[in-house]
C-alpha atoms as a PDB file:
ATOM      1  CA  MET A   1      -0.081  -0.177   0.143  1.00  0.00           C
ATOM      2  CA  THR A   2       1.387   2.972  -0.871  1.00  0.00           C
ATOM      3  CA  ASN A   3       1.461   6.135   1.477  1.00  0.00           C
ATOM      4  CA  GLN A   4      -1.444   8.170  -0.103  1.00  0.00           C
ATOM      5  CA  GLN A   5      -3.549   5.094  -0.746  1.00  0.00           C
ATOM      6  CA  SER A   6      -2.959   5.094   3.403  1.00  0.00           C
ATOM      7  CA  ALA A   7      -4.416   8.440   3.293  1.00  0.00           C
ATOM      8  CA  ASP A   8      -7.273   7.592   1.559  1.00  0.00           C
ATOM      9  CA  LEU A   9      -8.621   4.759   4.047  1.00  0.00           C
ATOM     10  CA  ASN A  10      -7.736   6.564   7.051  1.00  0.00           C
ATOM     11  CA  ARG A  11     -10.055   9.398   5.351  1.00  0.00           C
ATOM     12  CA  GLU A  12     -12.506   6.599   4.271  1.00  0.00           C
ATOM     13  CA  GLU A  13     -12.793   5.215   7.708  1.00  0.00           C
ATOM     14  CA  GLY A  14     -12.882   8.747   9.446  1.00  0.00           C
ATOM     15  CA  ARG A  15      -9.343   8.452  11.212  1.00  0.00           C
ATOM     16  CA  ALA A  16      -7.457  11.078  11.550  1.00  0.00           C
ATOM     17  CA  ALA A  17      -3.721  11.163  10.321  1.00  0.00           C
ATOM     18  CA  ILE A  18      -0.765   9.926  13.047  1.00  0.00           C
ATOM     19  CA  SER A  19       0.359  12.681  14.283  1.00  0.00           C
ATOM     20  CA  LYS A  20       3.114  10.704  16.850  1.00  0.00           C
ATOM     21  CA  VAL A  21       4.523   7.323  17.303  1.00  0.00           C
ATOM     22  CA  VAL A  22       3.862   6.316  20.680  1.00  0.00           C
ATOM     23  CA  LEU A  23       7.264   3.522  22.276  1.00  0.00           C
ATOM     24  CA  VAL A  24       4.875   1.490  24.674  1.00  0.00           C
ATOM     25  CA  GLY A  25       6.521  -0.155  27.552  1.00  0.00           C
ATOM     26  CA  HIS A  26       9.796  -0.484  25.889  1.00  0.00           C
ATOM     27  CA  CYS A  27      13.011  -0.239  27.228  1.00  0.00           C
ATOM     28  CA  GLY A  28      16.022   2.814  27.593  1.00  0.00           C
ATOM     29  CA  PHE A  29      18.115   0.531  25.334  1.00  0.00           C
ATOM     30  CA  ASP A  30      15.606  -0.388  22.542  1.00  0.00           C
ATOM     31  CA  GLN A  31      13.668   3.230  22.746  1.00  0.00           C
ATOM     32  CA  GLY A  32      16.567   4.057  21.180  1.00  0.00           C
ATOM     33  CA  SER A  33      16.881   1.637  18.582  1.00  0.00           C
ATOM     34  CA  ILE A  34      13.483   1.959  17.672  1.00  0.00           C
ATOM     35  CA  SER A  35      13.104   5.586  17.706  1.00  0.00           C
ATOM     36  CA  ARG A  36      16.151   5.968  15.415  1.00  0.00           C
ATOM     37  CA  ALA A  37      14.689   3.288  13.096  1.00  0.00           C
ATOM     38  CA  VAL A  38      11.272   5.411  13.188  1.00  0.00           C
ATOM     39  CA  ALA A  39      12.914   8.634  13.115  1.00  0.00           C
ATOM     40  CA  ALA A  40      14.459   7.387   9.620  1.00  0.00           C
ATOM     41  CA  ALA A  41      11.334   5.887   8.264  1.00  0.00           C
ATOM     42  CA  LEU A  42       9.407   9.272   8.934  1.00  0.00           C
ATOM     43  CA  PRO A  43      11.493  11.913   9.089  1.00  0.00           C
ATOM     44  CA  GLY A  44       9.701  15.105  11.763  1.00  0.00           C
ATOM     45  CA  MET A  45       7.081  12.809  13.605  1.00  0.00           C
ATOM     46  CA  ALA A  46       7.022  12.992  17.211  1.00  0.00           C
ATOM     47  CA  ILE A  47       8.040  10.379  19.089  1.00  0.00           C
ATOM     48  CA  GLU A  48       7.180   9.140  22.482  1.00  0.00           C
ATOM     49  CA  SER A  49       7.549   7.101  25.078  1.00  0.00           C
ATOM     50  CA  VAL A  50       5.360   5.774  27.762  1.00  0.00           C
ATOM     51  CA  HIS A  51       6.008   3.439  30.462  1.00  0.00           C
ATOM     52  CA  ASN A  52       2.028   3.594  32.738  1.00  0.00           C
ATOM     53  CA  THR A  53      -1.158   3.647  32.249  1.00  0.00           C
ATOM     54  CA  ALA A  54      -1.366   7.476  33.042  1.00  0.00           C
ATOM     55  CA  GLY A  55       0.899   8.242  29.721  1.00  0.00           C
ATOM     56  CA  LEU A  56      -0.365   5.472  27.747  1.00  0.00           C
ATOM     57  CA  ASP A  57      -4.588   7.622  28.388  1.00  0.00           C
ATOM     58  CA  GLN A  58      -2.473  10.494  27.835  1.00  0.00           C
ATOM     59  CA  HIS A  59      -0.633   9.607  24.140  1.00  0.00           C
ATOM     60  CA  ALA A  60      -2.772   6.964  22.981  1.00  0.00           C
ATOM     61  CA  GLY A  61      -5.397   8.967  20.735  1.00  0.00           C
ATOM     62  CA  PRO A  62      -6.595   8.362  17.088  1.00  0.00           C
ATOM     63  CA  ASP A  63      -3.747  10.322  16.223  1.00  0.00           C
ATOM     64  CA  ALA A  64      -1.688   7.658  17.510  1.00  0.00           C
ATOM     65  CA  LEU A  65       0.483   4.648  16.126  1.00  0.00           C
ATOM     66  CA  LEU A  66       1.404   2.342  19.553  1.00  0.00           C
ATOM     67  CA  LEU A  67       4.340   0.538  18.925  1.00  0.00           C
ATOM     68  CA  VAL A  68       3.996  -2.151  21.571  1.00  0.00           C
ATOM     69  CA  ASN A  69       6.471  -4.009  23.189  1.00  0.00           C
ATOM     70  CA  ARG A  70       5.156  -8.050  23.468  1.00  0.00           C
ATOM     71  CA  VAL A  71       6.702  -7.953  27.085  1.00  0.00           C
ATOM     72  CA  LEU A  72       5.619  -4.629  28.884  1.00  0.00           C
ATOM     73  CA  ASP A  73       8.596  -2.616  30.812  1.00  0.00           C
ATOM     74  CA  GLY A  74       6.455  -0.257  33.391  1.00  0.00           C
ATOM     75  CA  ARG A  75       2.772   0.415  34.980  1.00  0.00           C
ATOM     76  CA  PHE A  76       0.594  -0.881  32.477  1.00  0.00           C
ATOM     77  CA  GLY A  77      -1.466  -3.315  34.965  1.00  0.00           C
ATOM     78  CA  THR A  78      -1.263  -6.541  32.660  1.00  0.00           C
ATOM     79  CA  SER A  79       2.680  -7.414  31.574  1.00  0.00           C
ATOM     80  CA  SER A  80       1.514  -8.199  28.173  1.00  0.00           C
ATOM     81  CA  GLY A  81       1.416  -6.405  24.981  1.00  0.00           C
ATOM     82  CA  VAL A  82      -0.676  -8.642  23.691  1.00  0.00           C
ATOM     83  CA  ASP A  83      -3.908  -8.230  26.487  1.00  0.00           C
ATOM     84  CA  LEU A  84      -3.045  -4.608  26.254  1.00  0.00           C
ATOM     85  CA  ILE A  85      -3.791  -4.687  22.609  1.00  0.00           C
ATOM     86  CA  THR A  86      -6.932  -6.133  23.179  1.00  0.00           C
ATOM     87  CA  GLU A  87      -7.917  -3.687  25.764  1.00  0.00           C
ATOM     88  CA  LEU A  88      -7.184  -0.594  23.868  1.00  0.00           C
ATOM     89  CA  SER A  89      -8.551  -2.329  21.033  1.00  0.00           C
ATOM     90  CA  ASN A  90     -11.574  -2.747  22.452  1.00  0.00           C
ATOM     91  CA  ARG A  91     -12.231   1.037  22.869  1.00  0.00           C
ATOM     92  CA  ASP A  92     -14.835   3.385  21.340  1.00  0.00           C
ATOM     93  CA  VAL A  93     -12.185   4.996  19.718  1.00  0.00           C
ATOM     94  CA  SER A  94      -9.098   2.451  19.314  1.00  0.00           C
ATOM     95  CA  PRO A  95      -5.315   4.033  18.379  1.00  0.00           C
ATOM     96  CA  ARG A  96      -3.722   2.194  15.917  1.00  0.00           C
ATOM     97  CA  MET A  97      -1.349  -0.570  17.015  1.00  0.00           C
ATOM     98  CA  MET A  98       1.860  -2.237  16.170  1.00  0.00           C
ATOM     99  CA  LEU A  99       3.368  -5.081  18.337  1.00  0.00           C
ATOM    100  CA  ILE A 100       7.507  -4.911  18.876  1.00  0.00           C
ATOM    101  CA  SER A 101       8.150  -8.478  18.538  1.00  0.00           C
ATOM    102  CA  ASN A 102      10.952 -10.852  17.281  1.00  0.00           C
ATOM    103  CA  TYR A 103       7.763 -14.274  17.821  1.00  0.00           C
ATOM    104  CA  PRO A 104       5.652 -14.810  14.988  1.00  0.00           C
ATOM    105  CA  ASP A 105       3.224 -16.272  17.092  1.00  0.00           C
ATOM    106  CA  ALA A 106       2.746 -13.223  19.420  1.00  0.00           C
ATOM    107  CA  GLN A 107       2.169 -10.764  16.361  1.00  0.00           C
ATOM    108  CA  ALA A 108      -0.709 -13.609  14.947  1.00  0.00           C
ATOM    109  CA  LYS A 109      -1.814 -12.726  18.535  1.00  0.00           C
ATOM    110  CA  ALA A 110      -1.324  -9.310  18.305  1.00  0.00           C
ATOM    111  CA  VAL A 111      -3.624  -8.692  14.935  1.00  0.00           C
ATOM    112  CA  GLN A 112      -6.098 -11.147  15.926  1.00  0.00           C
ATOM    113  CA  ALA A 113      -6.174  -9.306  19.006  1.00  0.00           C
ATOM    114  CA  GLY A 114      -7.027  -5.655  16.844  1.00  0.00           C
ATOM    115  CA  ALA A 115      -3.106  -4.905  15.815  1.00  0.00           C
ATOM    116  CA  LEU A 116      -1.761  -3.726  12.474  1.00  0.00           C
ATOM    117  CA  PRO A 117       0.837  -6.735  11.029  1.00  0.00           C
ATOM    118  CA  GLY A 118       3.840  -5.391  13.546  1.00  0.00           C
ATOM    119  CA  PHE A 119       7.551  -6.377  13.316  1.00  0.00           C
ATOM    120  CA  GLY A 120      10.211  -8.127  15.237  1.00  0.00           C
ATOM    121  CA  LYS A 121      13.258  -5.817  16.750  1.00  0.00           C
ATOM    122  CA  ASN A 122      15.213  -7.501  14.492  1.00  0.00           C
ATOM    123  CA  GLU A 123      13.992  -6.194  11.625  1.00  0.00           C
ATOM    124  CA  LEU A 124      14.242  -2.156  13.058  1.00  0.00           C
ATOM    125  CA  GLY A 125      16.760  -1.441  10.176  1.00  0.00           C
ATOM    126  CA  LEU A 126      15.621  -3.040   7.250  1.00  0.00           C
ATOM    127  CA  PRO A 127      13.253  -1.445   4.042  1.00  0.00           C
ATOM    128  CA  GLN A 128      10.365  -3.397   4.638  1.00  0.00           C
ATOM    129  CA  THR A 129      10.010  -2.215   8.308  1.00  0.00           C
ATOM    130  CA  ALA A 130      10.069   1.362   7.249  1.00  0.00           C
ATOM    131  CA  LYS A 131       7.768   0.747   4.638  1.00  0.00           C
ATOM    132  CA  LYS A 132       4.899  -0.557   7.130  1.00  0.00           C
ATOM    133  CA  LEU A 133       6.293   2.550   9.111  1.00  0.00           C
ATOM    134  CA  GLN A 134       5.929   4.860   5.960  1.00  0.00           C
ATOM    135  CA  ALA A 135       2.529   2.809   4.970  1.00  0.00           C
ATOM    136  CA  MET A 136       0.466   4.237   9.253  1.00  0.00           C
ATOM    137  CA  VAL A 137       0.672   8.108   7.232  1.00  0.00           C
END
């Protein structure tokens, strides 16, 4: 899907354009590498990091893309990124979400729970990861 097709689809679905990427439950080391990959793929995009439910509530609006860690680092009421995706998917207006995990079974569960197809940490520098991110804006 091209960036224009993604933008057209978002408008058709009544979704706001992505104005920020939110890193959810990642440790400091991973935050750095994921932030660099996002900045390279989406220059100028705002990048936020959250480690608790209050921060998530503040940043998880319809204009956000959440990059959710498989095993959450922080205070979210669960340590499971897939469980958090399930919870957020049940909101009246859920944010767009991707799971960050190298495990295909976790990716499949996240998509089943309402996430978009995500990627693993070992895929951060790959062109297809940049294309996945670029398709969101």
